[in-house]
Amino acid sequence: MQAILSNYTASITELKKSPTQLLKDAGGETIAILNHNTTNAYLVPAETYEKMMAIVDDYLLSKDVKERQSEDFKPIEVSLDEL
């Protein structure tokens, strides 16, 4: 059995009728779109999607930082005048 990762669900038929009304009814929450009682997609409000992308970007950046911190490197001393 497939898990539904949303408090709100709608059929594809309902989505075709009025996606804006679905988002309004869900109060800004993500909506699982069902096709024959199986989750086919998720309708995610723009604000939620933007937050998700910011979290993913932060995660990927932190991975890069950790990789670079683990590399052996020798710091170079410079004075402010040399910059």
PDB file of N, CA and C in Angstrom:
ATOM      1  N   MET A   1       0.840  -1.190   0.000  1.00  0.00           N
ATOM      2  CA  MET A   1       0.000   0.000   0.000  1.00  0.00           C
ATOM      3  C   MET A   1       0.879   1.244   0.000  1.00  0.00           C
ATOM      4  N   GLN A   2       0.530   2.176  -0.820  1.00  0.00           N
ATOM      5  CA  GLN A   2       1.302   3.406  -0.976  1.00  0.00           C
ATOM      6  C   GLN A   2       0.874   4.440   0.063  1.00  0.00           C
ATOM      7  N   ALA A   3       1.863   5.068   0.698  1.00  0.00           N
ATOM      8  CA  ALA A   3       1.567   6.119   1.677  1.00  0.00           C
ATOM      9  C   ALA A   3       1.180   7.411   0.962  1.00  0.00           C
ATOM     10  N   ILE A   4       0.251   8.137   1.543  1.00  0.00           N
ATOM     11  CA  ILE A   4      -0.134   9.453   1.030  1.00  0.00           C
ATOM     12  C   ILE A   4       0.493  10.489   1.962  1.00  0.00           C
ATOM     13  N   LEU A   5       1.412  11.265   1.441  1.00  0.00           N
ATOM     14  CA  LEU A   5       2.180  12.207   2.249  1.00  0.00           C
ATOM     15  C   LEU A   5       1.549  13.593   2.261  1.00  0.00           C
ATOM     16  N   SER A   6       0.257  13.629   2.512  1.00  0.00           N
ATOM     17  CA  SER A   6      -0.467  14.890   2.520  1.00  0.00           C
ATOM     18  C   SER A   6      -1.748  14.728   3.331  1.00  0.00           C
ATOM     19  N   ASN A   7      -2.197  15.813   3.926  1.00  0.00           N
ATOM     20  CA  ASN A   7      -3.467  15.788   4.652  1.00  0.00           C
ATOM     21  C   ASN A   7      -4.658  15.979   3.722  1.00  0.00           C
ATOM     22  N   TYR A   8      -4.407  16.425   2.501  1.00  0.00           N
ATOM     23  CA  TYR A   8      -5.471  16.713   1.537  1.00  0.00           C
ATOM     24  C   TYR A   8      -5.264  15.882   0.283  1.00  0.00           C
ATOM     25  N   THR A   9      -6.369  15.409  -0.279  1.00  0.00           N
ATOM     26  CA  THR A   9      -6.308  14.656  -1.526  1.00  0.00           C
ATOM     27  C   THR A   9      -7.353  15.193  -2.496  1.00  0.00           C
ATOM     28  N   ALA A  10      -7.110  14.952  -3.769  1.00  0.00           N
ATOM     29  CA  ALA A  10      -8.066  15.327  -4.816  1.00  0.00           C
ATOM     30  C   ALA A  10      -7.842  14.400  -6.002  1.00  0.00           C
ATOM     31  N   SER A  11      -8.877  14.209  -6.765  1.00  0.00           N
ATOM     32  CA  SER A  11      -8.753  13.390  -7.977  1.00  0.00           C
ATOM     33  C   SER A  11      -8.228  14.266  -9.122  1.00  0.00           C
ATOM     34  N   ILE A  12      -7.798  13.612 -10.168  1.00  0.00           N
ATOM     35  CA  ILE A  12      -7.347  14.351 -11.347  1.00  0.00           C
ATOM     36  C   ILE A  12      -8.503  15.149 -11.939  1.00  0.00           C
ATOM     37  N   THR A  13      -9.716  14.596 -11.873  1.00  0.00           N
ATOM     38  CA  THR A  13     -10.900  15.306 -12.365  1.00  0.00           C
ATOM     39  C   THR A  13     -11.103  16.608 -11.604  1.00  0.00           C
ATOM     40  N   GLU A  14     -10.963  16.553 -10.267  1.00  0.00           N
ATOM     41  CA  GLU A  14     -11.096  17.767  -9.457  1.00  0.00           C
ATOM     42  C   GLU A  14      -9.998  18.769  -9.800  1.00  0.00           C
ATOM     43  N   LEU A  15      -8.797  18.264 -10.045  1.00  0.00           N
ATOM     44  CA  LEU A  15      -7.678  19.139 -10.410  1.00  0.00           C
ATOM     45  C   LEU A  15      -7.958  19.852 -11.724  1.00  0.00           C
ATOM     46  N   LYS A  16      -8.500  19.129 -12.688  1.00  0.00           N
ATOM     47  CA  LYS A  16      -8.816  19.733 -13.989  1.00  0.00           C
ATOM     48  C   LYS A  16      -9.869  20.832 -13.859  1.00  0.00           C
ATOM     49  N   LYS A  17     -10.841  20.617 -12.970  1.00  0.00           N
ATOM     50  CA  LYS A  17     -11.925  21.592 -12.815  1.00  0.00           C
ATOM     51  C   LYS A  17     -11.424  22.925 -12.284  1.00  0.00           C
ATOM     52  N   SER A  18     -10.634  22.891 -11.197  1.00  0.00           N
ATOM     53  CA  SER A  18     -10.202  24.149 -10.596  1.00  0.00           C
ATOM     54  C   SER A  18      -9.006  23.960  -9.661  1.00  0.00           C
ATOM     55  N   PRO A  19      -7.799  23.998 -10.206  1.00  0.00           N
ATOM     56  CA  PRO A  19      -6.618  23.845  -9.347  1.00  0.00           C
ATOM     57  C   PRO A  19      -6.489  24.976  -8.316  1.00  0.00           C
ATOM     58  N   THR A  20      -6.882  26.178  -8.700  1.00  0.00           N
ATOM     59  CA  THR A  20      -6.802  27.306  -7.775  1.00  0.00           C
ATOM     60  C   THR A  20      -7.736  27.100  -6.590  1.00  0.00           C
ATOM     61  N   GLN A  21      -8.929  26.598  -6.847  1.00  0.00           N
ATOM     62  CA  GLN A  21      -9.876  26.352  -5.759  1.00  0.00           C
ATOM     63  C   GLN A  21      -9.371  25.246  -4.833  1.00  0.00           C
ATOM     64  N   LEU A  22      -8.721  24.229  -5.390  1.00  0.00           N
ATOM     65  CA  LEU A  22      -8.152  23.166  -4.564  1.00  0.00           C
ATOM     66  C   LEU A  22      -7.121  23.727  -3.591  1.00  0.00           C
ATOM     67  N   LEU A  23      -6.231  24.570  -4.118  1.00  0.00           N
ATOM     68  CA  LEU A  23      -5.210  25.175  -3.256  1.00  0.00           C
ATOM     69  C   LEU A  23      -5.847  26.039  -2.172  1.00  0.00           C
ATOM     70  N   LYS A  24      -6.871  26.774  -2.552  1.00  0.00           N
ATOM     71  CA  LYS A  24      -7.564  27.629  -1.586  1.00  0.00           C
ATOM     72  C   LYS A  24      -8.218  26.776  -0.499  1.00  0.00           C
ATOM     73  N   ASP A  25      -8.888  25.701  -0.900  1.00  0.00           N
ATOM     74  CA  ASP A  25      -9.562  24.822   0.060  1.00  0.00           C
ATOM     75  C   ASP A  25      -8.568  24.133   0.998  1.00  0.00           C
ATOM     76  N   ALA A  26      -7.379  23.855   0.511  1.00  0.00           N
ATOM     77  CA  ALA A  26      -6.363  23.172   1.323  1.00  0.00           C
ATOM     78  C   ALA A  26      -5.631  24.145   2.239  1.00  0.00           C
ATOM     79  N   GLY A  27      -5.886  25.419   2.093  1.00  0.00           N
ATOM     80  CA  GLY A  27      -5.274  26.398   2.984  1.00  0.00           C
ATOM     81  C   GLY A  27      -3.766  26.480   2.870  1.00  0.00           C
ATOM     82  N   GLY A  28      -3.259  26.319   1.658  1.00  0.00           N
ATOM     83  CA  GLY A  28      -1.811  26.429   1.453  1.00  0.00           C
ATOM     84  C   GLY A  28      -1.048  25.145   1.732  1.00  0.00           C
ATOM     85  N   GLU A  29      -1.762  24.075   2.004  1.00  0.00           N
ATOM     86  CA  GLU A  29      -1.113  22.781   2.233  1.00  0.00           C
ATOM     87  C   GLU A  29      -0.919  22.049   0.910  1.00  0.00           C
ATOM     88  N   THR A  30      -0.025  21.081   0.906  1.00  0.00           N
ATOM     89  CA  THR A  30       0.202  20.249  -0.261  1.00  0.00           C
ATOM     90  C   THR A  30      -0.979  19.288  -0.448  1.00  0.00           C
ATOM     91  N   ILE A  31      -1.317  19.020  -1.700  1.00  0.00           N
ATOM     92  CA  ILE A  31      -2.457  18.153  -2.019  1.00  0.00           C
ATOM     93  C   ILE A  31      -1.957  16.947  -2.815  1.00  0.00           C
ATOM     94  N   ALA A  32      -2.318  15.761  -2.362  1.00  0.00           N
ATOM     95  CA  ALA A  32      -2.000  14.546  -3.112  1.00  0.00           C
ATOM     96  C   ALA A  32      -3.041  14.390  -4.220  1.00  0.00           C
ATOM     97  N   ILE A  33      -2.579  14.241  -5.447  1.00  0.00           N
ATOM     98  CA  ILE A  33      -3.469  14.054  -6.591  1.00  0.00           C
ATOM     99  C   ILE A  33      -3.557  12.557  -6.863  1.00  0.00           C
ATOM    100  N   LEU A  34      -4.782  12.039  -6.791  1.00  0.00           N
ATOM    101  CA  LEU A  34      -5.005  10.601  -6.929  1.00  0.00           C
ATOM    102  C   LEU A  34      -5.563  10.244  -8.299  1.00  0.00           C
ATOM    103  N   ASN A  35      -5.098   9.112  -8.810  1.00  0.00           N
ATOM    104  CA  ASN A  35      -5.624   8.542 -10.046  1.00  0.00           C
ATOM    105  C   ASN A  35      -5.926   7.080  -9.739  1.00  0.00           C
ATOM    106  N   HIS A  36      -7.186   6.702  -9.741  1.00  0.00           N
ATOM    107  CA  HIS A  36      -7.620   5.358  -9.365  1.00  0.00           C
ATOM    108  C   HIS A  36      -7.124   4.999  -7.967  1.00  0.00           C
ATOM    109  N   ASN A  37      -7.285   5.929  -7.041  1.00  0.00           N
ATOM    110  CA  ASN A  37      -6.916   5.768  -5.630  1.00  0.00           C
ATOM    111  C   ASN A  37      -5.429   5.520  -5.396  1.00  0.00           C
ATOM    112  N   THR A  38      -4.607   5.938  -6.326  1.00  0.00           N
ATOM    113  CA  THR A  38      -3.162   5.850  -6.187  1.00  0.00           C
ATOM    114  C   THR A  38      -2.584   7.249  -6.350  1.00  0.00           C
ATOM    115  N   THR A  39      -1.648   7.608  -5.477  1.00  0.00           N
ATOM    116  CA  THR A  39      -1.030   8.928  -5.588  1.00  0.00           C
ATOM    117  C   THR A  39      -0.271   9.022  -6.897  1.00  0.00           C
ATOM    118  N   ASN A  40      -0.650  10.008  -7.697  1.00  0.00           N
ATOM    119  CA  ASN A  40      -0.054  10.199  -9.014  1.00  0.00           C
ATOM    120  C   ASN A  40       0.878  11.407  -9.014  1.00  0.00           C
ATOM    121  N   ALA A  41       0.576  12.391  -8.170  1.00  0.00           N
ATOM    122  CA  ALA A  41       1.367  13.620  -8.117  1.00  0.00           C
ATOM    123  C   ALA A  41       1.010  14.372  -6.837  1.00  0.00           C
ATOM    124  N   TYR A  42       1.779  15.403  -6.572  1.00  0.00           N
ATOM    125  CA  TYR A  42       1.480  16.312  -5.469  1.00  0.00           C
ATOM    126  C   TYR A  42       1.377  17.723  -6.022  1.00  0.00           C
ATOM    127  N   LEU A  43       0.355  18.434  -5.601  1.00  0.00           N
ATOM    128  CA  LEU A  43       0.180  19.838  -5.966  1.00  0.00           C
ATOM    129  C   LEU A  43       0.712  20.649  -4.791  1.00  0.00           C
ATOM    130  N   VAL A  44       1.812  21.347  -5.040  1.00  0.00           N
ATOM    131  CA  VAL A  44       2.507  22.063  -3.975  1.00  0.00           C
ATOM    132  C   VAL A  44       2.369  23.567  -4.217  1.00  0.00           C
ATOM    133  N   PRO A  45       1.897  24.316  -3.215  1.00  0.00           N
ATOM    134  CA  PRO A  45       1.813  25.770  -3.372  1.00  0.00           C
ATOM    135  C   PRO A  45       3.205  26.367  -3.621  1.00  0.00           C
ATOM    136  N   ALA A  46       3.251  27.462  -4.351  1.00  0.00           N
ATOM    137  CA  ALA A  46       4.522  28.086  -4.726  1.00  0.00           C
ATOM    138  C   ALA A  46       5.379  28.412  -3.503  1.00  0.00           C
ATOM    139  N   GLU A  47       4.775  28.933  -2.455  1.00  0.00           N
ATOM    140  CA  GLU A  47       5.537  29.300  -1.253  1.00  0.00           C
ATOM    141  C   GLU A  47       6.203  28.072  -0.630  1.00  0.00           C
ATOM    142  N   THR A  48       5.485  26.967  -0.578  1.00  0.00           N
ATOM    143  CA  THR A  48       6.039  25.727  -0.027  1.00  0.00           C
ATOM    144  C   THR A  48       7.172  25.214  -0.904  1.00  0.00           C
ATOM    145  N   TYR A  49       6.984  25.275  -2.206  1.00  0.00           N
ATOM    146  CA  TYR A  49       8.021  24.823  -3.138  1.00  0.00           C
ATOM    147  C   TYR A  49       9.291  25.655  -2.990  1.00  0.00           C
ATOM    148  N   GLU A  50       9.138  26.964  -2.863  1.00  0.00           N
ATOM    149  CA  GLU A  50      10.292  27.843  -2.699  1.00  0.00           C
ATOM    150  C   GLU A  50      11.045  27.522  -1.417  1.00  0.00           C
ATOM    151  N   LYS A  51      10.325  27.232  -0.332  1.00  0.00           N
ATOM    152  CA  LYS A  51      10.972  26.846   0.928  1.00  0.00           C
ATOM    153  C   LYS A  51      11.717  25.525   0.766  1.00  0.00           C
ATOM    154  N   MET A  52      11.099  24.577   0.065  1.00  0.00           N
ATOM    155  CA  MET A  52      11.742  23.284  -0.165  1.00  0.00           C
ATOM    156  C   MET A  52      13.039  23.456  -0.951  1.00  0.00           C
ATOM    157  N   MET A  53      13.010  24.293  -1.971  1.00  0.00           N
ATOM    158  CA  MET A  53      14.206  24.507  -2.781  1.00  0.00           C
ATOM    159  C   MET A  53      15.311  25.189  -1.965  1.00  0.00           C
ATOM    160  N   ALA A  54      14.938  26.096  -1.073  1.00  0.00           N
ATOM    161  CA  ALA A  54      15.928  26.750  -0.209  1.00  0.00           C
ATOM    162  C   ALA A  54      16.574  25.722   0.720  1.00  0.00           C
ATOM    163  N   ILE A  55      15.782  24.796   1.248  1.00  0.00           N
ATOM    164  CA  ILE A  55      16.320  23.748   2.120  1.00  0.00           C
ATOM    165  C   ILE A  55      17.273  22.845   1.338  1.00  0.00           C
ATOM    166  N   VAL A  56      16.886  22.463   0.133  1.00  0.00           N
ATOM    167  CA  VAL A  56      17.749  21.616  -0.704  1.00  0.00           C
ATOM    168  C   VAL A  56      19.047  22.344  -1.030  1.00  0.00           C
ATOM    169  N   ASP A  57      18.965  23.618  -1.395  1.00  0.00           N
ATOM    170  CA  ASP A  57      20.170  24.402  -1.694  1.00  0.00           C
ATOM    171  C   ASP A  57      21.095  24.469  -0.486  1.00  0.00           C
ATOM    172  N   ASP A  58      20.536  24.716   0.696  1.00  0.00           N
ATOM    173  CA  ASP A  58      21.343  24.772   1.919  1.00  0.00           C
ATOM    174  C   ASP A  58      22.008  23.435   2.201  1.00  0.00           C
ATOM    175  N   TYR A  59      21.263  22.357   1.998  1.00  0.00           N
ATOM    176  CA  TYR A  59      21.814  21.020   2.222  1.00  0.00           C
ATOM    177  C   TYR A  59      22.987  20.742   1.273  1.00  0.00           C
ATOM    178  N   LEU A  60      22.806  21.027  -0.004  1.00  0.00           N
ATOM    179  CA  LEU A  60      23.868  20.782  -0.981  1.00  0.00           C
ATOM    180  C   LEU A  60      25.088  21.652  -0.700  1.00  0.00           C
ATOM    181  N   LEU A  61      24.864  22.889  -0.300  1.00  0.00           N
ATOM    182  CA  LEU A  61      25.971  23.779   0.050  1.00  0.00           C
ATOM    183  C   LEU A  61      26.721  23.243   1.262  1.00  0.00           C
ATOM    184  N   SER A  62      25.990  22.745   2.259  1.00  0.00           N
ATOM    185  CA  SER A  62      26.655  22.208   3.458  1.00  0.00           C
ATOM    186  C   SER A  62      27.480  20.971   3.113  1.00  0.00           C
ATOM    187  N   LYS A  63      27.001  20.150   2.155  1.00  0.00           N
ATOM    188  CA  LYS A  63      27.797  19.004   1.712  1.00  0.00           C
ATOM    189  C   LYS A  63      29.102  19.458   1.068  1.00  0.00           C
ATOM    190  N   ASP A  64      29.041  20.506   0.228  1.00  0.00           N
ATOM    191  CA  ASP A  64      30.247  21.037  -0.401  1.00  0.00           C
ATOM    192  C   ASP A  64      31.219  21.566   0.648  1.00  0.00           C
ATOM    193  N   VAL A  65      30.703  22.262   1.632  1.00  0.00           N
ATOM    194  CA  VAL A  65      31.557  22.815   2.690  1.00  0.00           C
ATOM    195  C   VAL A  65      32.248  21.688   3.443  1.00  0.00           C
ATOM    196  N   LYS A  66      31.512  20.638   3.812  1.00  0.00           N
ATOM    197  CA  LYS A  66      32.097  19.510   4.545  1.00  0.00           C
ATOM    198  C   LYS A  66      33.172  18.807   3.719  1.00  0.00           C
ATOM    199  N   GLU A  67      32.927  18.652   2.412  1.00  0.00           N
ATOM    200  CA  GLU A  67      33.923  18.028   1.539  1.00  0.00           C
ATOM    201  C   GLU A  67      35.196  18.860   1.503  1.00  0.00           C
ATOM    202  N   ARG A  68      35.039  20.156   1.361  1.00  0.00           N
ATOM    203  CA  ARG A  68      36.207  21.034   1.271  1.00  0.00           C
ATOM    204  C   ARG A  68      36.949  21.129   2.595  1.00  0.00           C
ATOM    205  N   GLN A  69      36.233  21.024   3.711  1.00  0.00           N
ATOM    206  CA  GLN A  69      36.888  21.058   5.011  1.00  0.00           C
ATOM    207  C   GLN A  69      37.718  19.801   5.243  1.00  0.00           C
ATOM    208  N   SER A  70      37.316  18.693   4.656  1.00  0.00           N
ATOM    209  CA  SER A  70      38.035  17.442   4.859  1.00  0.00           C
ATOM    210  C   SER A  70      39.275  17.333   3.970  1.00  0.00           C
ATOM    211  N   GLU A  71      39.370  18.174   2.956  1.00  0.00           N
ATOM    212  CA  GLU A  71      40.534  18.149   2.068  1.00  0.00           C
ATOM    213  C   GLU A  71      41.747  18.725   2.785  1.00  0.00           C
ATOM    214  N   ASP A  72      42.913  18.155   2.461  1.00  0.00           N
ATOM    215  CA  ASP A  72      44.158  18.690   3.015  1.00  0.00           C
ATOM    216  C   ASP A  72      44.571  19.902   2.201  1.00  0.00           C
ATOM    217  N   PHE A  73      44.763  20.987   2.877  1.00  0.00           N
ATOM    218  CA  PHE A  73      45.243  22.179   2.198  1.00  0.00           C
ATOM    219  C   PHE A  73      46.094  22.970   3.170  1.00  0.00           C
ATOM    220  N   LYS A  74      46.981  23.757   2.595  1.00  0.00           N
ATOM    221  CA  LYS A  74      47.859  24.580   3.410  1.00  0.00           C
ATOM    222  C   LYS A  74      47.410  26.027   3.260  1.00  0.00           C
ATOM    223  N   PRO A  75      47.070  26.662   4.369  1.00  0.00           N
ATOM    224  CA  PRO A  75      46.649  28.061   4.280  1.00  0.00           C
ATOM    225  C   PRO A  75      47.816  28.958   3.836  1.00  0.00           C
ATOM    226  N   ILE A  76      47.512  30.002   3.135  1.00  0.00           N
ATOM    227  CA  ILE A  76      48.493  30.969   2.666  1.00  0.00           C
ATOM    228  C   ILE A  76      48.275  32.260   3.435  1.00  0.00           C
ATOM    229  N   GLU A  77      49.343  32.733   4.030  1.00  0.00           N
ATOM    230  CA  GLU A  77      49.229  33.983   4.782  1.00  0.00           C
ATOM    231  C   GLU A  77      49.431  35.171   3.829  1.00  0.00           C
ATOM    232  N   VAL A  78      48.552  36.128   3.910  1.00  0.00           N
ATOM    233  CA  VAL A  78      48.666  37.355   3.128  1.00  0.00           C
ATOM    234  C   VAL A  78      48.312  38.534   4.024  1.00  0.00           C
ATOM    235  N   SER A  79      48.883  39.654   3.700  1.00  0.00           N
ATOM    236  CA  SER A  79      48.526  40.850   4.448  1.00  0.00           C
ATOM    237  C   SER A  79      47.431  41.588   3.691  1.00  0.00           C
ATOM    238  N   LEU A  80      46.757  42.482   4.373  1.00  0.00           N
ATOM    239  CA  LEU A  80      45.719  43.262   3.718  1.00  0.00           C
ATOM    240  C   LEU A  80      46.276  44.126   2.591  1.00  0.00           C
ATOM    241  N   ASP A  81      47.510  44.549   2.732  1.00  0.00           N
ATOM    242  CA  ASP A  81      48.131  45.369   1.693  1.00  0.00           C
ATOM    243  C   ASP A  81      48.335  44.567   0.401  1.00  0.00           C
ATOM    244  N   GLU A  82      48.571  43.269   0.521  1.00  0.00           N
ATOM    245  CA  GLU A  82      48.790  42.434  -0.650  1.00  0.00           C
ATOM    246  C   GLU A  82      47.503  42.182  -1.413  1.00  0.00           C
ATOM    247  N   LEU A  83      46.379  42.355  -0.743  1.00  0.00           N
ATOM    248  CA  LEU A  83      45.113  42.126  -1.425  1.00  0.00           C
ATOM    249  C   LEU A  83      44.791  43.309  -2.272  1.00  0.00           C
TER     250      LEU A  83
END
